[in-house]
Structure formats: structure tokens, C-alpha cells
PDB file of N, CA and C in Angstrom:
ATOM      1  N   MET A   1     -21.987 -18.650  13.095  1.00  0.00           N
ATOM      2  CA  MET A   1     -21.069 -17.708  13.421  1.00  0.00           C
ATOM      3  C   MET A   1     -21.802 -15.994  12.740  1.00  0.00           C
ATOM      4  N   GLU A   2     -21.819 -15.014  13.568  1.00  0.00           N
ATOM      5  CA  GLU A   2     -22.984 -13.789  12.623  1.00  0.00           C
ATOM      6  C   GLU A   2     -21.766 -13.374  12.200  1.00  0.00           C
ATOM      7  N   GLU A   3     -22.255 -12.691  11.216  1.00  0.00           N
ATOM      8  CA  GLU A   3     -21.861 -11.940  10.105  1.00  0.00           C
ATOM      9  C   GLU A   3     -21.664 -10.381  10.590  1.00  0.00           C
ATOM     10  N   ARG A   4     -20.629  -9.325  10.448  1.00  0.00           N
ATOM     11  CA  ARG A   4     -20.305  -8.164  10.796  1.00  0.00           C
ATOM     12  C   ARG A   4     -20.780  -7.299   9.865  1.00  0.00           C
ATOM     13  N   ASP A   5     -21.417  -6.579  10.700  1.00  0.00           N
ATOM     14  CA  ASP A   5     -22.250  -5.174   9.416  1.00  0.00           C
ATOM     15  C   ASP A   5     -21.241  -4.421   9.029  1.00  0.00           C
ATOM     16  N   GLU A   6     -21.524  -3.949   7.736  1.00  0.00           N
ATOM     17  CA  GLU A   6     -20.388  -3.276   6.847  1.00  0.00           C
ATOM     18  C   GLU A   6     -19.997  -2.116   7.605  1.00  0.00           C
ATOM     19  N   LEU A   7     -20.815  -1.381   8.319  1.00  0.00           N
ATOM     20  CA  LEU A   7     -20.399   0.101   9.070  1.00  0.00           C
ATOM     21  C   LEU A   7     -19.164  -0.817   9.922  1.00  0.00           C
ATOM     22  N   GLU A   8     -19.428  -1.718  10.723  1.00  0.00           N
ATOM     23  CA  GLU A   8     -18.341  -2.261  11.507  1.00  0.00           C
ATOM     24  C   GLU A   8     -17.185  -2.395  11.139  1.00  0.00           C
ATOM     25  N   THR A   9     -17.171  -3.198  10.171  1.00  0.00           N
ATOM     26  CA  THR A   9     -15.822  -3.531   9.156  1.00  0.00           C
ATOM     27  C   THR A   9     -15.434  -2.293   8.664  1.00  0.00           C
ATOM     28  N   MET A  10     -16.074  -1.233   8.248  1.00  0.00           N
ATOM     29  CA  MET A  10     -15.540  -0.191   7.592  1.00  0.00           C
ATOM     30  C   MET A  10     -14.832   0.720   8.748  1.00  0.00           C
ATOM     31  N   GLU A  11     -15.489   0.838   9.975  1.00  0.00           N
ATOM     32  CA  GLU A  11     -14.594   1.538  10.989  1.00  0.00           C
ATOM     33  C   GLU A  11     -13.180   0.940  11.472  1.00  0.00           C
ATOM     34  N   GLU A  12     -13.404  -0.527  11.607  1.00  0.00           N
ATOM     35  CA  GLU A  12     -12.451  -1.420  11.735  1.00  0.00           C
ATOM     36  C   GLU A  12     -10.825  -1.149  10.743  1.00  0.00           C
ATOM     37  N   THR A  13     -11.375  -0.950   9.601  1.00  0.00           N
ATOM     38  CA  THR A  13     -10.528  -0.618   8.439  1.00  0.00           C
ATOM     39  C   THR A  13      -9.945   0.929   8.616  1.00  0.00           C
ATOM     40  N   MET A  14     -10.781   1.879   9.002  1.00  0.00           N
ATOM     41  CA  MET A  14     -10.169   2.899   9.176  1.00  0.00           C
ATOM     42  C   MET A  14      -9.468   2.707  10.243  1.00  0.00           C
ATOM     43  N   ASP A  15      -9.643   2.611  11.291  1.00  0.00           N
ATOM     44  CA  ASP A  15      -8.396   2.215  12.229  1.00  0.00           C
ATOM     45  C   ASP A  15      -7.147   1.697  11.896  1.00  0.00           C
ATOM     46  N   VAL A  16      -7.455   0.188  11.232  1.00  0.00           N
ATOM     47  CA  VAL A  16      -5.962  -0.262  10.693  1.00  0.00           C
ATOM     48  C   VAL A  16      -5.422   0.577   9.612  1.00  0.00           C
ATOM     49  N   LEU A  17      -6.060   1.365   9.046  1.00  0.00           N
ATOM     50  CA  LEU A  17      -5.219   2.084   8.114  1.00  0.00           C
ATOM     51  C   LEU A  17      -4.640   2.955   8.589  1.00  0.00           C
ATOM     52  N   ASN A  18      -5.310   4.042   9.910  1.00  0.00           N
ATOM     53  CA  ASN A  18      -4.706   4.776  11.053  1.00  0.00           C
ATOM     54  C   ASN A  18      -3.093   4.542  11.508  1.00  0.00           C
ATOM     55  N   GLN A  19      -3.168   3.379  11.807  1.00  0.00           N
ATOM     56  CA  GLN A  19      -2.239   2.596  12.429  1.00  0.00           C
ATOM     57  C   GLN A  19      -1.128   2.407  11.273  1.00  0.00           C
ATOM     58  N   VAL A  20      -1.435   1.721   9.904  1.00  0.00           N
ATOM     59  CA  VAL A  20      -0.434   1.761   9.234  1.00  0.00           C
ATOM     60  C   VAL A  20       0.216   2.808   8.717  1.00  0.00           C
ATOM     61  N   LYS A  21      -0.394   4.015   8.524  1.00  0.00           N
ATOM     62  CA  LYS A  21      -0.023   5.002   8.062  1.00  0.00           C
ATOM     63  C   LYS A  21       1.259   5.675   9.254  1.00  0.00           C
ATOM     64  N   ASN A  22       0.644   5.391  10.251  1.00  0.00           N
ATOM     65  CA  ASN A  22       1.848   5.810  11.461  1.00  0.00           C
ATOM     66  C   ASN A  22       3.021   5.066  11.459  1.00  0.00           C
ATOM     67  N   ILE A  23       3.171   3.644  10.971  1.00  0.00           N
ATOM     68  CA  ILE A  23       3.866   2.316  10.762  1.00  0.00           C
ATOM     69  C   ILE A  23       4.493   2.973   9.691  1.00  0.00           C
ATOM     70  N   LEU A  24       3.935   3.373   8.543  1.00  0.00           N
ATOM     71  CA  LEU A  24       4.730   3.338   7.285  1.00  0.00           C
ATOM     72  C   LEU A  24       5.400   4.829   7.411  1.00  0.00           C
ATOM     73  N   ARG A  25       5.286   5.845   8.128  1.00  0.00           N
ATOM     74  CA  ARG A  25       5.732   6.974   8.320  1.00  0.00           C
ATOM     75  C   ARG A  25       7.268   6.646   8.945  1.00  0.00           C
ATOM     76  N   MET A  26       7.404   5.534   9.760  1.00  0.00           N
ATOM     77  CA  MET A  26       8.236   5.181  10.527  1.00  0.00           C
ATOM     78  C   MET A  26       9.500   4.645   9.600  1.00  0.00           C
ATOM     79  N   LEU A  27       9.049   3.820   8.619  1.00  0.00           N
ATOM     80  CA  LEU A  27       9.345   2.925   7.844  1.00  0.00           C
ATOM     81  C   LEU A  27      10.573   3.148   7.140  1.00  0.00           C
ATOM     82  N   ARG A  28      11.669   2.588   7.365  1.00  0.00           N
ATOM     83  CA  ARG A  28      12.818   3.230   6.649  1.00  0.00           C
ATOM     84  C   ARG A  28      13.155   2.009   5.415  1.00  0.00           C
ATOM     85  N   MET A  29      13.489   2.736   4.024  1.00  0.00           N
ATOM     86  CA  MET A  29      13.650   1.936   2.950  1.00  0.00           C
ATOM     87  C   MET A  29      14.532   1.431   2.718  1.00  0.00           C
ATOM     88  N   GLY A  30      16.131   1.719   3.440  1.00  0.00           N
ATOM     89  CA  GLY A  30      16.902   0.564   3.664  1.00  0.00           C
ATOM     90  C   GLY A  30      17.969   1.085   2.160  1.00  0.00           C
ATOM     91  N   GLU A  31      19.034   0.259   1.655  1.00  0.00           N
ATOM     92  CA  GLU A  31      20.076   0.562   0.809  1.00  0.00           C
ATOM     93  C   GLU A  31      19.077   0.017  -0.260  1.00  0.00           C
ATOM     94  N   SER A  32      19.421   0.558  -1.151  1.00  0.00           N
ATOM     95  CA  SER A  32      19.221   0.356  -2.717  1.00  0.00           C
ATOM     96  C   SER A  32      20.134  -0.784  -3.236  1.00  0.00           C
ATOM     97  N   PRO A  33      19.517  -1.790  -3.630  1.00  0.00           N
ATOM     98  CA  PRO A  33      20.352  -3.024  -4.677  1.00  0.00           C
ATOM     99  C   PRO A  33      21.365  -2.128  -5.419  1.00  0.00           C
ATOM    100  N   GLU A  34      22.229  -2.603  -5.988  1.00  0.00           N
ATOM    101  CA  GLU A  34      23.147  -2.029  -6.774  1.00  0.00           C
ATOM    102  C   GLU A  34      22.622  -2.803  -8.146  1.00  0.00           C
ATOM    103  N   ASP A  35      21.841  -3.739  -8.478  1.00  0.00           N
ATOM    104  CA  ASP A  35      21.943  -4.522  -9.725  1.00  0.00           C
ATOM    105  C   ASP A  35      20.356  -3.691 -10.034  1.00  0.00           C
ATOM    106  N   GLY A  36      20.190  -4.085 -11.394  1.00  0.00           N
ATOM    107  CA  GLY A  36      18.787  -3.405 -12.074  1.00  0.00           C
ATOM    108  C   GLY A  36      17.449  -3.714 -11.702  1.00  0.00           C
ATOM    109  N   ILE A  37      17.082  -4.990 -11.589  1.00  0.00           N
ATOM    110  CA  ILE A  37      15.739  -4.958 -11.041  1.00  0.00           C
ATOM    111  C   ILE A  37      15.459  -4.996  -9.738  1.00  0.00           C
ATOM    112  N   GLY A  38      16.549  -5.061  -8.899  1.00  0.00           N
ATOM    113  CA  GLY A  38      16.596  -4.489  -7.411  1.00  0.00           C
ATOM    114  C   GLY A  38      16.437  -3.163  -7.339  1.00  0.00           C
ATOM    115  N   ASN A  39      17.032  -2.575  -7.749  1.00  0.00           N
ATOM    116  CA  ASN A  39      16.925  -0.771  -7.736  1.00  0.00           C
ATOM    117  C   ASN A  39      15.812  -0.305  -8.597  1.00  0.00           C
ATOM    118  N   ASP A  40      15.408  -0.819  -9.410  1.00  0.00           N
ATOM    119  CA  ASP A  40      13.959  -0.586  -9.741  1.00  0.00           C
ATOM    120  C   ASP A  40      12.740  -0.780  -8.764  1.00  0.00           C
ATOM    121  N   LEU A  41      12.926  -1.961  -8.297  1.00  0.00           N
ATOM    122  CA  LEU A  41      12.223  -2.197  -6.876  1.00  0.00           C
ATOM    123  C   LEU A  41      12.257  -1.316  -6.043  1.00  0.00           C
ATOM    124  N   TRP A  42      13.491  -1.068  -5.580  1.00  0.00           N
ATOM    125  CA  TRP A  42      13.674  -0.381  -4.210  1.00  0.00           C
ATOM    126  C   TRP A  42      12.892   1.566  -4.540  1.00  0.00           C
ATOM    127  N   THR A  43      13.138   1.451  -6.058  1.00  0.00           N
ATOM    128  CA  THR A  43      12.275   3.123  -6.206  1.00  0.00           C
ATOM    129  C   THR A  43      10.895   2.994  -6.561  1.00  0.00           C
ATOM    130  N   GLU A  44      10.692   1.743  -6.971  1.00  0.00           N
ATOM    131  CA  GLU A  44       8.949   1.503  -7.196  1.00  0.00           C
ATOM    132  C   GLU A  44       8.298   1.639  -5.660  1.00  0.00           C
ATOM    133  N   LEU A  45       8.990   0.837  -4.888  1.00  0.00           N
ATOM    134  CA  LEU A  45       8.703   0.785  -3.331  1.00  0.00           C
ATOM    135  C   LEU A  45       8.581   2.097  -2.650  1.00  0.00           C
ATOM    136  N   GLU A  46       9.581   2.979  -3.073  1.00  0.00           N
ATOM    137  CA  GLU A  46       9.967   4.317  -2.574  1.00  0.00           C
ATOM    138  C   GLU A  46       8.834   5.014  -3.203  1.00  0.00           C
ATOM    139  N   LEU A  47       8.449   5.346  -4.460  1.00  0.00           N
ATOM    140  CA  LEU A  47       7.178   5.940  -4.875  1.00  0.00           C
ATOM    141  C   LEU A  47       6.028   5.519  -4.202  1.00  0.00           C
ATOM    142  N   ALA A  48       5.574   4.192  -4.101  1.00  0.00           N
ATOM    143  CA  ALA A  48       4.696   3.866  -3.409  1.00  0.00           C
ATOM    144  C   ALA A  48       4.306   4.217  -2.203  1.00  0.00           C
ATOM    145  N   LEU A  49       5.359   4.039  -1.549  1.00  0.00           N
ATOM    146  CA  LEU A  49       5.423   4.304   0.091  1.00  0.00           C
ATOM    147  C   LEU A  49       4.875   6.110   0.355  1.00  0.00           C
ATOM    148  N   SER A  50       5.571   6.852  -0.652  1.00  0.00           N
ATOM    149  CA  SER A  50       5.244   8.349  -0.790  1.00  0.00           C
ATOM    150  C   SER A  50       3.438   8.313  -0.869  1.00  0.00           C
ATOM    151  N   GLU A  51       3.205   7.877  -1.934  1.00  0.00           N
ATOM    152  CA  GLU A  51       2.100   8.153  -2.774  1.00  0.00           C
ATOM    153  C   GLU A  51       0.948   7.375  -1.668  1.00  0.00           C
ATOM    154  N   VAL A  52       1.401   6.376  -0.653  1.00  0.00           N
ATOM    155  CA  VAL A  52       0.245   5.430  -0.005  1.00  0.00           C
ATOM    156  C   VAL A  52      -0.121   6.447   1.353  1.00  0.00           C
ATOM    157  N   ILE A  53       1.267   6.814   1.859  1.00  0.00           N
ATOM    158  CA  ILE A  53       1.032   7.813   2.698  1.00  0.00           C
ATOM    159  C   ILE A  53       0.416   9.445   2.517  1.00  0.00           C
ATOM    160  N   GLY A  54       0.556   9.715   1.202  1.00  0.00           N
ATOM    161  CA  GLY A  54      -0.192  11.023   0.879  1.00  0.00           C
ATOM    162  C   GLY A  54      -1.819  10.676   0.911  1.00  0.00           C
ATOM    163  N   THR A  55      -1.954   9.439   0.189  1.00  0.00           N
ATOM    164  CA  THR A  55      -3.344   8.877   0.106  1.00  0.00           C
ATOM    165  C   THR A  55      -4.139   9.158   1.562  1.00  0.00           C
ATOM    166  N   LEU A  56      -3.433   8.287   2.314  1.00  0.00           N
ATOM    167  CA  LEU A  56      -4.080   8.061   3.823  1.00  0.00           C
ATOM    168  C   LEU A  56      -3.934   9.217   4.650  1.00  0.00           C
ATOM    169  N   SER A  57      -2.918  10.506   4.325  1.00  0.00           N
ATOM    170  CA  SER A  57      -3.238  11.699   4.711  1.00  0.00           C
ATOM    171  C   SER A  57      -4.110  12.671   4.506  1.00  0.00           C
ATOM    172  N   ASN A  58      -4.383  12.476   3.376  1.00  0.00           N
ATOM    173  CA  ASN A  58      -5.413  13.439   2.087  1.00  0.00           C
ATOM    174  C   ASN A  58      -6.716  13.257   2.719  1.00  0.00           C
ATOM    175  N   LYS A  59      -7.276  14.457   2.599  1.00  0.00           N
ATOM    176  CA  LYS A  59      -8.571  15.049   3.465  1.00  0.00           C
ATOM    177  C   LYS A  59      -9.544  15.219   2.301  1.00  0.00           C
ATOM    178  N   LYS A  60      -9.505  14.833   1.167  1.00  0.00           N
ATOM    179  CA  LYS A  60     -10.165  14.878  -0.125  1.00  0.00           C
ATOM    180  C   LYS A  60     -11.661  14.021   0.309  1.00  0.00           C
ATOM    181  N   PRO A  61     -12.509  14.517  -0.499  1.00  0.00           N
ATOM    182  CA  PRO A  61     -14.001  13.349  -0.574  1.00  0.00           C
ATOM    183  C   PRO A  61     -13.235  11.832  -1.202  1.00  0.00           C
ATOM    184  N   ALA A  62     -14.075  11.122  -0.745  1.00  0.00           N
ATOM    185  CA  ALA A  62     -13.748   9.680  -1.006  1.00  0.00           C
ATOM    186  C   ALA A  62     -13.460   9.270  -2.650  1.00  0.00           C
ATOM    187  N   SER A  63     -14.591   9.992  -3.316  1.00  0.00           N
ATOM    188  CA  SER A  63     -14.639   9.973  -5.022  1.00  0.00           C
ATOM    189  C   SER A  63     -13.072  10.218  -5.479  1.00  0.00           C
ATOM    190  N   GLU A  64     -12.448  11.153  -5.199  1.00  0.00           N
ATOM    191  CA  GLU A  64     -11.584  11.864  -5.516  1.00  0.00           C
ATOM    192  C   GLU A  64     -10.225  10.935  -5.260  1.00  0.00           C
ATOM    193  N   ASN A  65     -10.271  10.559  -3.738  1.00  0.00           N
ATOM    194  CA  ASN A  65      -9.067   9.310  -3.224  1.00  0.00           C
ATOM    195  C   ASN A  65      -9.250   8.158  -4.186  1.00  0.00           C
ATOM    196  N   LYS A  66     -10.549   7.762  -4.292  1.00  0.00           N
ATOM    197  CA  LYS A  66     -10.642   6.401  -4.964  1.00  0.00           C
ATOM    198  C   LYS A  66      -9.620   6.542  -6.505  1.00  0.00           C
ATOM    199  N   GLU A  67      -9.880   7.807  -7.202  1.00  0.00           N
ATOM    200  CA  GLU A  67      -9.009   7.569  -8.284  1.00  0.00           C
ATOM    201  C   GLU A  67      -7.735   7.419  -8.326  1.00  0.00           C
ATOM    202  N   TYR A  68      -7.019   7.989  -7.106  1.00  0.00           N
ATOM    203  CA  TYR A  68      -5.962   7.689  -6.750  1.00  0.00           C
ATOM    204  C   TYR A  68      -5.650   6.395  -6.231  1.00  0.00           C
ATOM    205  N   VAL A  69      -6.207   5.797  -5.741  1.00  0.00           N
ATOM    206  CA  VAL A  69      -6.131   4.380  -5.047  1.00  0.00           C
ATOM    207  C   VAL A  69      -6.302   3.529  -6.362  1.00  0.00           C
ATOM    208  N   ASP A  70      -7.126   3.504  -7.114  1.00  0.00           N
ATOM    209  CA  ASP A  70      -7.318   2.701  -8.396  1.00  0.00           C
ATOM    210  C   ASP A  70      -5.597   3.196  -9.207  1.00  0.00           C
ATOM    211  N   PHE A  71      -5.035   3.663  -9.251  1.00  0.00           N
ATOM    212  CA  PHE A  71      -4.057   4.263  -9.781  1.00  0.00           C
ATOM    213  C   PHE A  71      -2.920   3.397  -8.983  1.00  0.00           C
ATOM    214  N   LEU A  72      -2.860   3.224  -7.731  1.00  0.00           N
ATOM    215  CA  LEU A  72      -1.955   2.560  -6.746  1.00  0.00           C
ATOM    216  C   LEU A  72      -2.306   1.154  -7.094  1.00  0.00           C
ATOM    217  N   VAL A  73      -3.502   0.253  -7.144  1.00  0.00           N
ATOM    218  CA  VAL A  73      -3.833  -0.647  -7.903  1.00  0.00           C
ATOM    219  C   VAL A  73      -3.205  -1.030  -8.923  1.00  0.00           C
ATOM    220  N   SER A  74      -3.632  -0.292  -9.939  1.00  0.00           N
ATOM    221  CA  SER A  74      -3.365  -0.647 -11.185  1.00  0.00           C
ATOM    222  C   SER A  74      -1.970  -0.446 -11.618  1.00  0.00           C
ATOM    223  N   VAL A  75      -1.130   0.190 -11.254  1.00  0.00           N
ATOM    224  CA  VAL A  75      -0.112   0.690 -11.533  1.00  0.00           C
ATOM    225  C   VAL A  75       0.937   0.343 -10.698  1.00  0.00           C
ATOM    226  N   ARG A  76       0.918   0.869  -9.295  1.00  0.00           N
ATOM    227  CA  ARG A  76       2.204   0.770  -8.366  1.00  0.00           C
ATOM    228  C   ARG A  76       2.105  -0.884  -8.011  1.00  0.00           C
ATOM    229  N   LEU A  77       0.786  -1.226  -7.782  1.00  0.00           N
ATOM    230  CA  LEU A  77       0.750  -2.857  -7.310  1.00  0.00           C
ATOM    231  C   LEU A  77       1.245  -3.681  -8.276  1.00  0.00           C
ATOM    232  N   LYS A  78       0.937  -3.490  -9.345  1.00  0.00           N
ATOM    233  CA  LYS A  78       1.143  -4.243 -10.373  1.00  0.00           C
ATOM    234  C   LYS A  78       2.552  -4.379 -10.807  1.00  0.00           C
ATOM    235  N   ASN A  79       3.308  -3.419 -10.649  1.00  0.00           N
ATOM    236  CA  ASN A  79       4.739  -2.839 -10.998  1.00  0.00           C
ATOM    237  C   ASN A  79       5.590  -3.757  -9.789  1.00  0.00           C
ATOM    238  N   ILE A  80       5.221  -3.298  -8.693  1.00  0.00           N
ATOM    239  CA  ILE A  80       5.911  -4.075  -7.425  1.00  0.00           C
ATOM    240  C   ILE A  80       5.614  -5.790  -7.057  1.00  0.00           C
ATOM    241  N   ASP A  81       4.140  -5.957  -7.840  1.00  0.00           N
ATOM    242  CA  ASP A  81       4.466  -7.399  -7.911  1.00  0.00           C
ATOM    243  C   ASP A  81       5.225  -8.220  -8.886  1.00  0.00           C
ATOM    244  N   ASN A  82       5.128  -7.613 -10.064  1.00  0.00           N
ATOM    245  CA  ASN A  82       5.837  -7.955 -11.086  1.00  0.00           C
ATOM    246  C   ASN A  82       7.448  -8.053 -10.584  1.00  0.00           C
ATOM    247  N   MET A  83       7.860  -6.908 -10.479  1.00  0.00           N
ATOM    248  CA  MET A  83       9.152  -6.930  -9.798  1.00  0.00           C
ATOM    249  C   MET A  83       9.460  -7.711  -8.854  1.00  0.00           C
ATOM    250  N   VAL A  84       8.676  -8.144  -7.807  1.00  0.00           N
ATOM    251  CA  VAL A  84       9.103  -9.000  -6.977  1.00  0.00           C
ATOM    252  C   VAL A  84       9.224 -10.442  -7.261  1.00  0.00           C
ATOM    253  N   ASP A  85       8.323 -10.734  -8.227  1.00  0.00           N
ATOM    254  CA  ASP A  85       8.286 -12.088  -9.196  1.00  0.00           C
ATOM    255  C   ASP A  85       9.493 -12.200  -9.725  1.00  0.00           C
ATOM    256  N   ASN A  86      10.578 -11.298 -10.065  1.00  0.00           N
ATOM    257  CA  ASN A  86      11.843 -11.406 -10.889  1.00  0.00           C
ATOM    258  C   ASN A  86      13.084 -10.743 -10.009  1.00  0.00           C
ATOM    259  N   PHE A  87      12.731 -10.977  -8.465  1.00  0.00           N
ATOM    260  CA  PHE A  87      13.774 -10.230  -7.668  1.00  0.00           C
ATOM    261  C   PHE A  87      13.900 -11.307  -6.401  1.00  0.00           C
ATOM    262  N   ASP A  88      14.952 -11.881  -5.836  1.00  0.00           N
ATOM    263  CA  ASP A  88      15.197 -12.143  -4.659  1.00  0.00           C
ATOM    264  C   ASP A  88      14.923 -11.718  -3.415  1.00  0.00           C
ATOM    265  N   VAL A  89      13.540 -11.080  -3.136  1.00  0.00           N
ATOM    266  CA  VAL A  89      13.530 -10.416  -1.887  1.00  0.00           C
ATOM    267  C   VAL A  89      14.486 -10.943  -0.512  1.00  0.00           C
ATOM    268  N   GLU A  90      14.151 -12.527  -0.583  1.00  0.00           N
ATOM    269  CA  GLU A  90      14.599 -13.212   0.499  1.00  0.00           C
ATOM    270  C   GLU A  90      16.094 -12.741   0.997  1.00  0.00           C
ATOM    271  N   ASN A  91      16.730 -12.141   0.099  1.00  0.00           N
ATOM    272  CA  ASN A  91      18.428 -11.919   0.665  1.00  0.00           C
ATOM    273  C   ASN A  91      18.092 -10.226   1.064  1.00  0.00           C
ATOM    274  N   TYR A  92      17.077  -9.558   0.714  1.00  0.00           N
ATOM    275  CA  TYR A  92      16.850  -8.236   1.069  1.00  0.00           C
ATOM    276  C   TYR A  92      15.673  -8.197   2.174  1.00  0.00           C
ATOM    277  N   PRO A  93      15.866  -8.523   3.665  1.00  0.00           N
ATOM    278  CA  PRO A  93      14.913  -8.141   4.378  1.00  0.00           C
ATOM    279  C   PRO A  93      14.037  -6.580   4.716  1.00  0.00           C
ATOM    280  N   GLN A  94      14.685  -5.517   4.192  1.00  0.00           N
ATOM    281  CA  GLN A  94      13.940  -4.730   4.387  1.00  0.00           C
ATOM    282  C   GLN A  94      13.506  -4.367   3.383  1.00  0.00           C
ATOM    283  N   ILE A  95      13.769  -4.836   2.205  1.00  0.00           N
ATOM    284  CA  ILE A  95      12.786  -4.740   1.207  1.00  0.00           C
ATOM    285  C   ILE A  95      11.702  -5.730   1.178  1.00  0.00           C
ATOM    286  N   LYS A  96      11.799  -6.443   1.688  1.00  0.00           N
ATOM    287  CA  LYS A  96      11.063  -7.510   1.736  1.00  0.00           C
ATOM    288  C   LYS A  96       9.560  -7.161   2.654  1.00  0.00           C
ATOM    289  N   LEU A  97      10.125  -6.446   4.052  1.00  0.00           N
ATOM    290  CA  LEU A  97       9.410  -5.838   4.647  1.00  0.00           C
ATOM    291  C   LEU A  97       8.262  -4.611   4.227  1.00  0.00           C
ATOM    292  N   ASN A  98       9.350  -3.952   3.048  1.00  0.00           N
ATOM    293  CA  ASN A  98       8.693  -2.587   2.892  1.00  0.00           C
ATOM    294  C   ASN A  98       7.493  -3.472   1.612  1.00  0.00           C
ATOM    295  N   PHE A  99       7.658  -4.244   0.805  1.00  0.00           N
ATOM    296  CA  PHE A  99       7.099  -4.645  -0.036  1.00  0.00           C
ATOM    297  C   PHE A  99       5.675  -5.592   0.572  1.00  0.00           C
ATOM    298  N   LEU A 100       5.904  -5.836   2.140  1.00  0.00           N
ATOM    299  CA  LEU A 100       4.742  -6.653   2.385  1.00  0.00           C
ATOM    300  C   LEU A 100       3.582  -5.452   3.010  1.00  0.00           C
ATOM    301  N   LEU A 101       4.541  -4.440   3.511  1.00  0.00           N
ATOM    302  CA  LEU A 101       3.398  -3.505   4.411  1.00  0.00           C
ATOM    303  C   LEU A 101       2.630  -2.540   3.006  1.00  0.00           C
ATOM    304  N   ILE A 102       3.713  -2.487   2.020  1.00  0.00           N
ATOM    305  CA  ILE A 102       3.064  -1.659   0.927  1.00  0.00           C
ATOM    306  C   ILE A 102       2.310  -1.993   0.437  1.00  0.00           C
ATOM    307  N   SER A 103       2.152  -3.277   0.062  1.00  0.00           N
ATOM    308  CA  SER A 103       1.518  -4.216  -0.820  1.00  0.00           C
ATOM    309  C   SER A 103       0.028  -4.342  -0.111  1.00  0.00           C
ATOM    310  N   TYR A 104       0.111  -4.855   1.295  1.00  0.00           N
ATOM    311  CA  TYR A 104      -0.782  -5.022   1.994  1.00  0.00           C
ATOM    312  C   TYR A 104      -2.040  -3.582   2.479  1.00  0.00           C
ATOM    313  N   THR A 105      -1.038  -2.828   2.337  1.00  0.00           N
ATOM    314  CA  THR A 105      -1.855  -1.392   2.662  1.00  0.00           C
ATOM    315  C   THR A 105      -2.574  -0.829   1.408  1.00  0.00           C
ATOM    316  N   ILE A 106      -1.962  -1.123   0.084  1.00  0.00           N
ATOM    317  CA  ILE A 106      -2.874  -1.018  -1.026  1.00  0.00           C
ATOM    318  C   ILE A 106      -3.962  -1.561  -1.219  1.00  0.00           C
ATOM    319  N   LYS A 107      -4.036  -2.858  -0.906  1.00  0.00           N
ATOM    320  CA  LYS A 107      -5.094  -3.773  -0.900  1.00  0.00           C
ATOM    321  C   LYS A 107      -6.101  -3.042  -0.155  1.00  0.00           C
ATOM    322  N   LEU A 108      -5.681  -3.019   0.958  1.00  0.00           N
ATOM    323  CA  LEU A 108      -6.593  -2.469   2.117  1.00  0.00           C
ATOM    324  C   LEU A 108      -7.228  -1.215   1.799  1.00  0.00           C
ATOM    325  N   LEU A 109      -6.526  -0.452   1.401  1.00  0.00           N
ATOM    326  CA  LEU A 109      -6.936   0.520   0.712  1.00  0.00           C
ATOM    327  C   LEU A 109      -8.115   0.652  -0.557  1.00  0.00           C
ATOM    328  N   ASP A 110      -7.709   0.074  -1.299  1.00  0.00           N
ATOM    329  CA  ASP A 110      -8.650  -0.165  -2.439  1.00  0.00           C
ATOM    330  C   ASP A 110     -10.170  -1.025  -1.964  1.00  0.00           C
ATOM    331  N   LYS A 111      -9.756  -1.833  -0.939  1.00  0.00           N
ATOM    332  CA  LYS A 111     -11.206  -2.428  -0.380  1.00  0.00           C
ATOM    333  C   LYS A 111     -11.972  -1.520   0.595  1.00  0.00           C
ATOM    334  N   TYR A 112     -11.243  -0.785   1.015  1.00  0.00           N
ATOM    335  CA  TYR A 112     -11.875   0.280   2.134  1.00  0.00           C
ATOM    336  C   TYR A 112     -12.638   1.698   0.938  1.00  0.00           C
ATOM    337  N   TYR A 113     -11.942   1.995  -0.039  1.00  0.00           N
ATOM    338  CA  TYR A 113     -12.657   3.008  -0.926  1.00  0.00           C
ATOM    339  C   TYR A 113     -13.789   2.271  -1.850  1.00  0.00           C
ATOM    340  N   ASN A 114     -13.779   0.945  -2.176  1.00  0.00           N
ATOM    341  CA  ASN A 114     -14.390   0.301  -3.059  1.00  0.00           C
ATOM    342  C   ASN A 114     -15.947   0.466  -2.003  1.00  0.00           C
ATOM    343  N   SER A 115     -15.508   0.217  -0.693  1.00  0.00           N
ATOM    344  CA  SER A 115     -16.902   0.346   0.114  1.00  0.00           C
ATOM    345  C   SER A 115     -17.389   1.547   0.495  1.00  0.00           C
ATOM    346  N   VAL A 116     -16.443   2.465   0.745  1.00  0.00           N
ATOM    347  CA  VAL A 116     -17.180   3.798   0.695  1.00  0.00           C
ATOM    348  C   VAL A 116     -17.718   4.325  -0.288  1.00  0.00           C
ATOM    349  N   VAL A 117     -17.232   4.209  -1.647  1.00  0.00           N
ATOM    350  CA  VAL A 117     -18.148   4.805  -3.051  1.00  0.00           C
ATOM    351  C   VAL A 117     -19.215   3.856  -3.346  1.00  0.00           C
ATOM    352  N   SER A 118     -19.275   2.736  -2.566  1.00  0.00           N
ATOM    353  CA  SER A 118     -20.623   1.664  -3.277  1.00  0.00           C
ATOM    354  C   SER A 118     -21.598   1.965  -2.444  1.00  0.00           C
ATOM    355  N   SER A 119     -20.917   2.889  -0.862  1.00  0.00           N
ATOM    356  CA  SER A 119     -22.146   2.734   0.208  1.00  0.00           C
ATOM    357  C   SER A 119     -23.242   4.034  -0.267  1.00  0.00           C
TER     358      SER A 119
END
């Protein structure tokens, strides 16, 4: 199988990120769970969603966005991963969907900005 060149992969990643931005703008946060960890997870997801959409909409140079993406990975993604480990998201389908979309987007942003900055 032939390997794709880096530019082709980056272009496809940009297209995917644009699609995800549109999906996230329509994403409904749903009801906040009443218990402590569920409410904390919901709040962290809401913050991450706003920050991810802001990053996707930002027209600043890649080096400035990279710092913000690093924050999303080191703080937001770490927090929501830890909270999901301690909360039964299976009983909250909307929270699970939000978690999957937001965490995937943060990982994709990180991969994209690492490629851009290293090029």
C-alpha cells in the first residue's frame, strides 16, 4: 500500500476539522446530571466545547493556536478522561456523545497542529 504524503493528510485533516466544527456548533449539551462527578463532567465538557469551537474558528497563526491546543490536551482532555473513568456515561447518552466528539476533536487538533508547527 502506498503511503500518503504529509500534505495530503493535513488537507484531509483540515476538511475533517471543518466538518467537526459544524457538527459541534449544533451539538446539544443536554441536561446536567444532579450528582457531583456527573455535574463536574458536564461542566468540563461545556468548557471544552466552547474552547474547541473557539480554536477551530480562530484565524491566528498556527504557533499561537498550538499553545491553546496544548492546553486543551494537557488540561481539558486529561480532566474529561479522568472524570469519564469515574462516571457511568452509559446512562447518559448525550454526555457520552459529547465526550466522544469533543475528545476526538481535541486529539485531531493536536495531531494537526503538531504537523503544522513541525513543517
